[in-house]
Amino acid sequence: MSLRSARPAAPRGWTLPELLLATLVAAIIASCALAPLRHAVQHARRVAAGAALLQLSLQQEHHRAVHGRYAADLIELGWRHARAACAAPAACAYELRLHGAHADGDDYELLALPLGGQADDRCGVLRVDHLGRRGAAAPDCW
C-alpha cells in the first residue's frame, strides 16, 4: 500500500457553519448599503419631480402669454395624464396636479404628490405656484 492512497481526501467545499457565517456577513453588508441607496433613489425621484414641476410652470407661463390666462388643467397644457413625466406611468414616484385658485386664470399651484415607496420621503408634497415660490415639508428639498 502506498502512502498516497492511505491519506484521507481533503474536504471540498464549505461546511455548514462557514456557509452560515458567510451568509450572515453578506446580509449585514447588504443591510448597511441599502439605506443610503434608498435615500439616493428617493432624492433622484424628487429631483425628477421638481424638474417636471418647473417644466409645467414654464408651460403655464407660455400658455398665459398666448391665451392671456393660465391653463385650468394639465390636459390643456398638453399633458395626457398626471403621470406623464414618467417613462413608465405605472412606476411613477409622484403624481402631478394643477390647482387653479380662481376661475379667471390669474394664478395656479402645481403639486407633486409622492406615491408608493416615495410616500415615506421626508419632503412630502412638492409645490410651485404662479409666483415661482417653491415649497415642501422640509426646507432643503428643492
C-alpha atoms as a PDB file:
ATOM      1  CA  MET A   1       0.000   0.000   0.000  1.00  0.00           C
ATOM      2  CA  SER A   2       1.433   3.400  -0.906  1.00  0.00           C
ATOM      3  CA  LEU A   3       1.391   6.462   1.313  1.00  0.00           C
ATOM      4  CA  ARG A   4      -0.566   8.389  -1.228  1.00  0.00           C
ATOM      5  CA  SER A   5      -3.622   6.154  -1.089  1.00  0.00           C
ATOM      6  CA  ALA A   6      -3.630   5.956   2.731  1.00  0.00           C
ATOM      7  CA  ARG A   7      -4.320   9.663   3.265  1.00  0.00           C
ATOM      8  CA  PRO A   8      -7.918  10.743   3.526  1.00  0.00           C
ATOM      9  CA  ALA A   9      -9.075  13.077   0.799  1.00  0.00           C
ATOM     10  CA  ALA A  10      -9.056  16.801   1.640  1.00  0.00           C
ATOM     11  CA  PRO A  11     -12.568  18.122   2.251  1.00  0.00           C
ATOM     12  CA  ARG A  12     -14.011  20.121  -0.634  1.00  0.00           C
ATOM     13  CA  GLY A  13     -16.490  22.955  -0.346  1.00  0.00           C
ATOM     14  CA  TRP A  14     -17.724  24.794   2.706  1.00  0.00           C
ATOM     15  CA  THR A  15     -19.038  23.394   5.916  1.00  0.00           C
ATOM     16  CA  LEU A  16     -22.473  24.443   7.134  1.00  0.00           C
ATOM     17  CA  PRO A  17     -21.149  26.823   9.851  1.00  0.00           C
ATOM     18  CA  GLU A  18     -18.837  28.503   7.326  1.00  0.00           C
ATOM     19  CA  LEU A  19     -21.701  28.923   4.880  1.00  0.00           C
ATOM     20  CA  LEU A  20     -23.976  30.379   7.564  1.00  0.00           C
ATOM     21  CA  LEU A  21     -21.271  32.799   8.693  1.00  0.00           C
ATOM     22  CA  ALA A  22     -20.613  33.951   5.111  1.00  0.00           C
ATOM     23  CA  THR A  23     -24.357  34.456   4.572  1.00  0.00           C
ATOM     24  CA  LEU A  24     -24.617  36.461   7.795  1.00  0.00           C
ATOM     25  CA  VAL A  25     -21.706  38.708   6.806  1.00  0.00           C
ATOM     26  CA  ALA A  26     -23.234  39.281   3.338  1.00  0.00           C
ATOM     27  CA  ALA A  27     -26.612  40.142   4.908  1.00  0.00           C
ATOM     28  CA  ILE A  28     -25.025  42.670   7.275  1.00  0.00           C
ATOM     29  CA  ILE A  29     -23.121  44.336   4.435  1.00  0.00           C
ATOM     30  CA  ALA A  30     -26.255  44.459   2.265  1.00  0.00           C
ATOM     31  CA  SER A  31     -28.352  45.989   5.052  1.00  0.00           C
ATOM     32  CA  CYS A  32     -25.723  48.704   5.575  1.00  0.00           C
ATOM     33  CA  ALA A  33     -25.713  49.524   1.856  1.00  0.00           C
ATOM     34  CA  LEU A  34     -29.495  49.561   1.325  1.00  0.00           C
ATOM     35  CA  ALA A  35     -30.359  52.615   3.435  1.00  0.00           C
ATOM     36  CA  PRO A  36     -28.037  55.034   1.589  1.00  0.00           C
ATOM     37  CA  LEU A  37     -29.134  53.543  -1.722  1.00  0.00           C
ATOM     38  CA  ARG A  38     -32.798  54.055  -0.832  1.00  0.00           C
ATOM     39  CA  HIS A  39     -32.136  57.680   0.103  1.00  0.00           C
ATOM     40  CA  ALA A  40     -30.256  58.253  -3.149  1.00  0.00           C
ATOM     41  CA  VAL A  41     -33.137  56.797  -5.168  1.00  0.00           C
ATOM     42  CA  GLN A  42     -35.655  58.968  -3.298  1.00  0.00           C
ATOM     43  CA  HIS A  43     -33.513  62.036  -3.943  1.00  0.00           C
ATOM     44  CA  ALA A  44     -33.258  61.230  -7.661  1.00  0.00           C
ATOM     45  CA  ARG A  45     -37.022  60.783  -7.909  1.00  0.00           C
ATOM     46  CA  ARG A  46     -37.575  64.041  -6.015  1.00  0.00           C
ATOM     47  CA  VAL A  47     -35.261  65.892  -8.420  1.00  0.00           C
ATOM     48  CA  ALA A  48     -37.171  64.432 -11.391  1.00  0.00           C
ATOM     49  CA  ALA A  49     -40.493  65.541  -9.879  1.00  0.00           C
ATOM     50  CA  GLY A  50     -39.112  69.012  -9.249  1.00  0.00           C
ATOM     51  CA  ALA A  51     -37.933  69.207 -12.854  1.00  0.00           C
ATOM     52  CA  ALA A  52     -41.399  68.162 -14.043  1.00  0.00           C
ATOM     53  CA  LEU A  53     -42.982  70.887 -11.882  1.00  0.00           C
ATOM     54  CA  LEU A  54     -40.644  73.513 -13.286  1.00  0.00           C
ATOM     55  CA  GLN A  55     -41.378  72.314 -16.819  1.00  0.00           C
ATOM     56  CA  LEU A  56     -45.103  72.616 -16.120  1.00  0.00           C
ATOM     57  CA  SER A  57     -44.548  76.075 -14.685  1.00  0.00           C
ATOM     58  CA  LEU A  58     -42.793  77.137 -17.889  1.00  0.00           C
ATOM     59  CA  GLN A  59     -45.642  75.702 -19.928  1.00  0.00           C
ATOM     60  CA  GLN A  60     -48.100  77.662 -17.789  1.00  0.00           C
ATOM     61  CA  GLU A  61     -46.230  80.897 -18.492  1.00  0.00           C
ATOM     62  CA  HIS A  62     -46.210  80.116 -22.208  1.00  0.00           C
ATOM     63  CA  HIS A  63     -49.928  79.354 -22.075  1.00  0.00           C
ATOM     64  CA  ARG A  64     -50.591  82.679 -20.347  1.00  0.00           C
ATOM     65  CA  ALA A  65     -48.511  84.565 -22.924  1.00  0.00           C
ATOM     66  CA  VAL A  66     -50.525  83.018 -25.750  1.00  0.00           C
ATOM     67  CA  HIS A  67     -54.034  82.863 -24.200  1.00  0.00           C
ATOM     68  CA  GLY A  68     -53.960  85.630 -21.589  1.00  0.00           C
ATOM     69  CA  ARG A  69     -54.629  83.249 -18.695  1.00  0.00           C
ATOM     70  CA  TYR A  70     -53.156  80.197 -17.021  1.00  0.00           C
ATOM     71  CA  ALA A  71     -54.380  76.734 -18.031  1.00  0.00           C
ATOM     72  CA  ALA A  72     -57.056  75.180 -15.842  1.00  0.00           C
ATOM     73  CA  ASP A  73     -55.749  71.602 -16.065  1.00  0.00           C
ATOM     74  CA  LEU A  74     -52.840  69.502 -17.261  1.00  0.00           C
ATOM     75  CA  ILE A  75     -54.666  68.392 -20.398  1.00  0.00           C
ATOM     76  CA  GLU A  76     -54.915  72.000 -21.535  1.00  0.00           C
ATOM     77  CA  LEU A  77     -51.122  72.151 -21.235  1.00  0.00           C
ATOM     78  CA  GLY A  78     -50.753  69.066 -23.428  1.00  0.00           C
ATOM     79  CA  TRP A  79     -50.176  66.503 -20.685  1.00  0.00           C
ATOM     80  CA  ARG A  80     -52.340  63.421 -21.198  1.00  0.00           C
ATOM     81  CA  HIS A  81     -52.379  62.409 -17.541  1.00  0.00           C
ATOM     82  CA  ALA A  82     -50.849  63.331 -14.229  1.00  0.00           C
ATOM     83  CA  ARG A  83     -48.087  60.765 -14.530  1.00  0.00           C
ATOM     84  CA  ALA A  84     -46.878  61.874 -17.954  1.00  0.00           C
ATOM     85  CA  ALA A  85     -43.484  62.867 -16.554  1.00  0.00           C
ATOM     86  CA  CYS A  86     -42.552  59.217 -16.022  1.00  0.00           C
ATOM     87  CA  ALA A  87     -41.086  56.872 -18.582  1.00  0.00           C
ATOM     88  CA  ALA A  88     -43.495  54.174 -17.375  1.00  0.00           C
ATOM     89  CA  PRO A  89     -46.578  55.723 -15.699  1.00  0.00           C
ATOM     90  CA  ALA A  90     -47.180  52.616 -13.580  1.00  0.00           C
ATOM     91  CA  ALA A  91     -43.744  53.060 -11.996  1.00  0.00           C
ATOM     92  CA  CYS A  92     -44.168  56.757 -11.149  1.00  0.00           C
ATOM     93  CA  ALA A  93     -42.986  58.053  -7.824  1.00  0.00           C
ATOM     94  CA  TYR A  94     -45.083  61.244  -7.957  1.00  0.00           C
ATOM     95  CA  GLU A  95     -48.468  62.288  -9.251  1.00  0.00           C
ATOM     96  CA  LEU A  96     -48.600  65.789 -10.689  1.00  0.00           C
ATOM     97  CA  ARG A  97     -51.595  68.030 -10.042  1.00  0.00           C
ATOM     98  CA  LEU A  98     -52.566  71.510 -11.098  1.00  0.00           C
ATOM     99  CA  HIS A  99     -54.763  73.678  -8.901  1.00  0.00           C
ATOM    100  CA  GLY A 100     -56.114  76.976 -10.160  1.00  0.00           C
ATOM    101  CA  ALA A 101     -57.311  79.126  -7.285  1.00  0.00           C
ATOM    102  CA  HIS A 102     -59.563  81.398  -9.333  1.00  0.00           C
ATOM    103  CA  ALA A 103     -61.806  80.870 -12.328  1.00  0.00           C
ATOM    104  CA  ASP A 104     -60.265  83.885 -14.091  1.00  0.00           C
ATOM    105  CA  GLY A 105     -56.973  82.008 -14.549  1.00  0.00           C
ATOM    106  CA  ASP A 106     -54.789  84.555 -12.756  1.00  0.00           C
ATOM    107  CA  ASP A 107     -52.939  82.054 -10.582  1.00  0.00           C
ATOM    108  CA  TYR A 108     -52.136  78.374 -10.115  1.00  0.00           C
ATOM    109  CA  GLU A 109     -50.354  75.929  -7.860  1.00  0.00           C
ATOM    110  CA  LEU A 110     -48.567  72.836  -9.144  1.00  0.00           C
ATOM    111  CA  LEU A 111     -48.207  69.860  -6.819  1.00  0.00           C
ATOM    112  CA  ALA A 112     -46.158  66.671  -6.946  1.00  0.00           C
ATOM    113  CA  LEU A 113     -47.729  64.132  -4.585  1.00  0.00           C
ATOM    114  CA  PRO A 114     -45.487  61.205  -3.592  1.00  0.00           C
ATOM    115  CA  LEU A 115     -46.657  57.679  -4.466  1.00  0.00           C
ATOM    116  CA  GLY A 116     -45.640  54.190  -3.380  1.00  0.00           C
ATOM    117  CA  GLY A 117     -42.160  53.946  -1.882  1.00  0.00           C
ATOM    118  CA  GLN A 118     -41.691  57.684  -2.264  1.00  0.00           C
ATOM    119  CA  ALA A 119     -44.537  58.337   0.190  1.00  0.00           C
ATOM    120  CA  ASP A 120     -42.200  57.995   3.189  1.00  0.00           C
ATOM    121  CA  ASP A 121     -39.787  60.601   1.819  1.00  0.00           C
ATOM    122  CA  ARG A 122     -39.193  63.382   4.349  1.00  0.00           C
ATOM    123  CA  CYS A 123     -40.012  66.096   1.792  1.00  0.00           C
ATOM    124  CA  GLY A 124     -43.619  65.044   1.212  1.00  0.00           C
ATOM    125  CA  VAL A 125     -45.575  67.074  -1.347  1.00  0.00           C
ATOM    126  CA  LEU A 126     -43.541  69.391  -3.597  1.00  0.00           C
ATOM    127  CA  ARG A 127     -45.219  72.614  -4.797  1.00  0.00           C
ATOM    128  CA  VAL A 128     -44.649  75.555  -7.120  1.00  0.00           C
ATOM    129  CA  ASP A 129     -47.029  78.474  -7.592  1.00  0.00           C
ATOM    130  CA  HIS A 130     -47.562  81.208 -10.175  1.00  0.00           C
ATOM    131  CA  LEU A 131     -45.061  83.488  -8.409  1.00  0.00           C
ATOM    132  CA  GLY A 132     -42.316  80.863  -8.598  1.00  0.00           C
ATOM    133  CA  ARG A 133     -42.452  80.063  -4.892  1.00  0.00           C
ATOM    134  CA  ARG A 134     -41.350  76.514  -4.146  1.00  0.00           C
ATOM    135  CA  GLY A 135     -42.389  74.542  -1.103  1.00  0.00           C
ATOM    136  CA  ALA A 136     -42.052  71.176   0.603  1.00  0.00           C
ATOM    137  CA  ALA A 137     -42.259  69.691   4.097  1.00  0.00           C
ATOM    138  CA  ALA A 138     -38.514  70.101   4.701  1.00  0.00           C
ATOM    139  CA  PRO A 139     -36.530  73.240   3.842  1.00  0.00           C
ATOM    140  CA  ASP A 140     -33.771  71.619   1.748  1.00  0.00           C
ATOM    141  CA  CYS A 141     -35.937  69.578  -0.625  1.00  0.00           C
ATOM    142  CA  TRP A 142     -35.526  71.863  -3.623  1.00  0.00           C
END
